[in-house]
N, C-alpha and C. Protein backbone atom coordinates (compact mmCIF):
# COMPACT_ATOMS: atom_id res chain seq x y z
N MET A 1 75.23 105.38 72.76
CA MET A 1 74.99 106.05 74.00
C MET A 1 76.25 105.95 74.87
N LYS A 2 76.59 107.04 75.53
CA LYS A 2 77.78 107.07 76.38
C LYS A 2 77.46 106.46 77.73
N LYS A 3 78.29 105.53 78.16
CA LYS A 3 78.09 104.85 79.43
C LYS A 3 78.85 105.58 80.53
N ASP A 4 78.17 105.88 81.65
CA ASP A 4 78.84 106.54 82.77
C ASP A 4 79.83 105.59 83.41
N ARG A 5 81.06 106.07 83.60
CA ARG A 5 82.09 105.25 84.24
C ARG A 5 82.13 105.57 85.72
N VAL A 6 82.06 104.54 86.52
CA VAL A 6 82.18 104.70 87.96
C VAL A 6 83.65 104.51 88.31
N PRO A 7 84.25 105.47 89.05
CA PRO A 7 85.66 105.31 89.38
C PRO A 7 85.88 104.10 90.28
N ALA A 8 86.95 103.36 90.01
CA ALA A 8 87.29 102.20 90.84
C ALA A 8 87.82 102.71 92.18
N LEU A 9 87.25 102.21 93.26
CA LEU A 9 87.65 102.61 94.60
C LEU A 9 88.23 101.42 95.34
N VAL A 10 89.18 101.68 96.22
CA VAL A 10 89.76 100.61 97.03
C VAL A 10 89.68 101.03 98.50
N ASN A 11 89.32 100.07 99.35
CA ASN A 11 89.18 100.32 100.78
C ASN A 11 90.57 100.39 101.41
N ILE A 12 90.83 101.49 102.14
CA ILE A 12 92.13 101.66 102.81
C ILE A 12 91.99 101.51 104.32
N GLY A 13 90.87 100.98 104.76
CA GLY A 13 90.64 100.72 106.17
C GLY A 13 89.55 101.57 106.78
N PHE A 14 88.77 100.96 107.66
CA PHE A 14 87.73 101.63 108.43
C PHE A 14 86.69 102.31 107.55
N GLY A 15 86.39 101.71 106.40
CA GLY A 15 85.37 102.25 105.52
C GLY A 15 85.83 103.41 104.66
N ASN A 16 87.10 103.76 104.73
CA ASN A 16 87.65 104.84 103.90
C ASN A 16 88.11 104.25 102.57
N VAL A 17 87.84 104.97 101.49
CA VAL A 17 88.21 104.49 100.16
C VAL A 17 88.98 105.57 99.40
N VAL A 18 89.78 105.11 98.44
CA VAL A 18 90.58 105.99 97.59
C VAL A 18 90.35 105.57 96.15
N SER A 19 90.33 106.54 95.25
CA SER A 19 90.20 106.26 93.83
C SER A 19 91.48 105.61 93.32
N VAL A 20 91.35 104.45 92.71
CA VAL A 20 92.51 103.70 92.22
C VAL A 20 93.30 104.52 91.19
N SER A 21 92.62 105.24 90.35
CA SER A 21 93.30 105.97 89.28
C SER A 21 94.09 107.17 89.78
N ARG A 22 93.87 107.60 91.02
CA ARG A 22 94.56 108.78 91.55
C ARG A 22 95.82 108.44 92.34
N VAL A 23 96.03 107.17 92.68
CA VAL A 23 97.16 106.77 93.52
C VAL A 23 98.43 106.66 92.70
N ILE A 24 99.50 107.29 93.22
CA ILE A 24 100.81 107.23 92.57
C ILE A 24 101.69 106.20 93.28
N ALA A 25 101.67 106.20 94.63
CA ALA A 25 102.55 105.31 95.39
C ALA A 25 101.93 104.95 96.73
N ILE A 26 102.32 103.78 97.22
CA ILE A 26 101.97 103.33 98.57
C ILE A 26 103.30 102.95 99.21
N VAL A 27 103.67 103.66 100.29
CA VAL A 27 104.98 103.47 100.89
C VAL A 27 104.87 103.24 102.40
N THR A 28 105.93 102.69 102.98
CA THR A 28 105.98 102.52 104.43
C THR A 28 106.43 103.83 105.07
N PRO A 29 105.95 104.11 106.28
CA PRO A 29 106.20 105.42 106.88
C PRO A 29 107.47 105.55 107.71
N GLY A 30 108.28 104.52 107.79
CA GLY A 30 109.40 104.51 108.73
C GLY A 30 110.60 105.37 108.40
N SER A 31 110.86 105.63 107.14
CA SER A 31 112.09 106.34 106.79
C SER A 31 111.96 107.85 107.01
N ALA A 32 113.10 108.50 107.14
CA ALA A 32 113.13 109.95 107.34
C ALA A 32 112.49 110.72 106.18
N PRO A 33 112.73 110.34 104.92
CA PRO A 33 112.07 111.07 103.82
C PRO A 33 110.54 110.97 103.88
N MET A 34 110.03 109.83 104.32
CA MET A 34 108.57 109.68 104.41
C MET A 34 108.01 110.51 105.56
N LYS A 35 108.78 110.63 106.64
CA LYS A 35 108.35 111.49 107.74
C LYS A 35 108.33 112.94 107.31
N ARG A 36 109.32 113.35 106.50
CA ARG A 36 109.33 114.71 105.97
C ARG A 36 108.15 114.94 105.03
N LEU A 37 107.87 113.94 104.19
CA LEU A 37 106.73 114.04 103.28
C LEU A 37 105.44 114.27 104.05
N ARG A 38 105.25 113.51 105.13
CA ARG A 38 104.06 113.64 105.97
C ARG A 38 104.00 115.04 106.60
N ASP A 39 105.12 115.49 107.16
CA ASP A 39 105.15 116.81 107.81
C ASP A 39 104.88 117.94 106.82
N GLU A 40 105.46 117.86 105.63
CA GLU A 40 105.26 118.90 104.62
C GLU A 40 103.81 118.91 104.15
N ALA A 41 103.21 117.73 103.99
CA ALA A 41 101.80 117.66 103.58
C ALA A 41 100.90 118.27 104.65
N ARG A 42 101.23 118.04 105.89
CA ARG A 42 100.45 118.62 107.00
C ARG A 42 100.51 120.16 106.94
N LYS A 43 101.71 120.69 106.71
CA LYS A 43 101.88 122.15 106.63
C LYS A 43 101.10 122.76 105.47
N ARG A 44 101.04 122.02 104.33
CA ARG A 44 100.34 122.52 103.15
C ARG A 44 98.83 122.27 103.20
N GLY A 45 98.37 121.53 104.21
CA GLY A 45 96.95 121.20 104.30
C GLY A 45 96.54 120.09 103.35
N LYS A 46 97.48 119.24 102.96
CA LYS A 46 97.22 118.16 102.01
C LYS A 46 97.30 116.78 102.66
N LEU A 47 97.28 116.72 103.99
CA LEU A 47 97.36 115.45 104.70
C LEU A 47 95.96 114.97 105.07
N VAL A 48 95.68 113.70 104.76
CA VAL A 48 94.41 113.07 105.13
C VAL A 48 94.76 111.89 106.04
N ASP A 49 94.28 111.95 107.28
CA ASP A 49 94.56 110.88 108.25
C ASP A 49 93.36 109.93 108.30
N ALA A 50 93.53 108.74 107.73
CA ALA A 50 92.47 107.74 107.70
C ALA A 50 92.79 106.58 108.64
N THR A 51 93.58 106.84 109.70
CA THR A 51 94.02 105.77 110.59
C THR A 51 93.05 105.51 111.75
N GLU A 52 92.08 106.40 111.96
CA GLU A 52 91.15 106.26 113.09
C GLU A 52 91.90 106.18 114.41
N GLY A 53 93.00 106.91 114.54
CA GLY A 53 93.77 106.94 115.78
C GLY A 53 94.74 105.81 115.97
N ARG A 54 94.82 104.92 115.01
CA ARG A 54 95.75 103.80 115.12
C ARG A 54 97.10 104.15 114.50
N ARG A 55 98.05 103.25 114.66
CA ARG A 55 99.39 103.47 114.14
C ARG A 55 99.38 103.53 112.62
N THR A 56 100.13 104.48 112.05
CA THR A 56 100.25 104.59 110.60
C THR A 56 101.15 103.49 110.08
N ARG A 57 100.63 102.68 109.17
CA ARG A 57 101.41 101.58 108.61
C ARG A 57 101.70 101.78 107.13
N SER A 58 100.98 102.71 106.49
CA SER A 58 101.29 103.01 105.09
C SER A 58 100.91 104.46 104.78
N ILE A 59 101.62 105.00 103.80
CA ILE A 59 101.37 106.35 103.31
C ILE A 59 101.03 106.22 101.83
N ILE A 60 99.90 106.81 101.46
CA ILE A 60 99.45 106.77 100.07
C ILE A 60 99.63 108.17 99.49
N VAL A 61 100.32 108.24 98.35
CA VAL A 61 100.55 109.51 97.68
C VAL A 61 99.68 109.54 96.43
N THR A 62 98.96 110.66 96.24
CA THR A 62 98.06 110.77 95.09
C THR A 62 98.59 111.77 94.07
N ASP A 63 98.01 111.75 92.88
CA ASP A 63 98.43 112.66 91.82
C ASP A 63 98.02 114.10 92.10
N SER A 64 97.12 114.32 93.06
CA SER A 64 96.72 115.68 93.44
C SER A 64 97.61 116.22 94.55
N ASP A 65 98.69 115.52 94.85
CA ASP A 65 99.67 115.91 95.87
C ASP A 65 99.14 115.74 97.29
N HIS A 66 98.07 114.98 97.46
CA HIS A 66 97.58 114.66 98.79
C HIS A 66 98.36 113.46 99.33
N VAL A 67 98.52 113.44 100.64
CA VAL A 67 99.19 112.34 101.33
C VAL A 67 98.16 111.75 102.29
N ILE A 68 97.88 110.46 102.14
CA ILE A 68 96.86 109.80 102.94
C ILE A 68 97.52 108.77 103.84
N LEU A 69 97.22 108.84 105.13
CA LEU A 69 97.76 107.88 106.09
C LEU A 69 96.75 106.77 106.30
N SER A 70 97.23 105.53 106.34
CA SER A 70 96.36 104.37 106.55
C SER A 70 96.96 103.47 107.62
N ALA A 71 96.10 102.79 108.35
CA ALA A 71 96.53 101.85 109.37
C ALA A 71 96.77 100.45 108.79
N LEU A 72 96.52 100.27 107.50
CA LEU A 72 96.75 98.98 106.86
C LEU A 72 98.17 98.90 106.31
N GLN A 73 98.70 97.69 106.26
CA GLN A 73 100.02 97.45 105.67
C GLN A 73 99.97 97.74 104.17
N PRO A 74 101.07 98.23 103.59
CA PRO A 74 101.10 98.46 102.14
C PRO A 74 100.76 97.21 101.33
N GLU A 75 101.20 96.04 101.81
CA GLU A 75 100.91 94.79 101.10
C GLU A 75 99.41 94.51 101.04
N THR A 76 98.70 94.81 102.12
CA THR A 76 97.26 94.59 102.18
C THR A 76 96.55 95.49 101.18
N ILE A 77 96.94 96.76 101.14
CA ILE A 77 96.32 97.69 100.21
C ILE A 77 96.63 97.28 98.77
N THR A 78 97.87 96.87 98.52
CA THR A 78 98.27 96.43 97.19
C THR A 78 97.45 95.24 96.74
N GLN A 79 97.20 94.29 97.63
CA GLN A 79 96.36 93.13 97.30
C GLN A 79 94.95 93.57 96.95
N ARG A 80 94.44 94.55 97.66
CA ARG A 80 93.10 95.05 97.36
C ARG A 80 93.07 95.75 96.00
N PHE A 81 94.15 96.43 95.64
CA PHE A 81 94.24 97.02 94.31
C PHE A 81 94.21 95.92 93.26
N GLY A 82 94.94 94.84 93.51
CA GLY A 82 94.97 93.72 92.58
C GLY A 82 93.60 93.12 92.36
N GLY A 83 92.84 93.00 93.42
CA GLY A 83 91.47 92.47 93.31
C GLY A 83 90.59 93.37 92.48
N GLU A 84 90.72 94.68 92.64
CA GLU A 84 89.94 95.64 91.86
C GLU A 84 90.30 95.54 90.39
N ASN A 85 91.60 95.48 90.09
CA ASN A 85 92.04 95.45 88.71
C ASN A 85 91.66 94.15 88.03
N GLN A 86 91.68 93.04 88.75
CA GLN A 86 91.31 91.77 88.18
C GLN A 86 89.83 91.77 87.78
N ASP A 87 88.97 92.40 88.58
CA ASP A 87 87.56 92.48 88.24
C ASP A 87 87.34 93.27 86.95
N GLU A 88 88.14 94.31 86.72
CA GLU A 88 87.98 95.12 85.53
C GLU A 88 88.41 94.37 84.27
N ARG A 89 89.39 93.48 84.38
CA ARG A 89 89.92 92.77 83.21
C ARG A 89 88.95 91.73 82.70
N VAL A 90 88.11 91.19 83.55
CA VAL A 90 87.22 90.09 83.17
C VAL A 90 86.11 90.58 82.29
């Protein structure tokens, strides 16, 4: 019998979650190239703002070309990814 696989999700702040398998990169928003990436995603309609009005501390890039803004530090999100992956290995 085929077992249904539930996609692994990680919390990116304020109850918002992202599929672990879809994330390509988590970057800091301070550099000029990252600001351009954000602006271009906004123009294409591919920007998702998950900051709840707070300061953007990380930018998540997905394989579907979406750009997600989060108020959490990249290190915090990375640690949460590590916790998800560790659960799967056991």
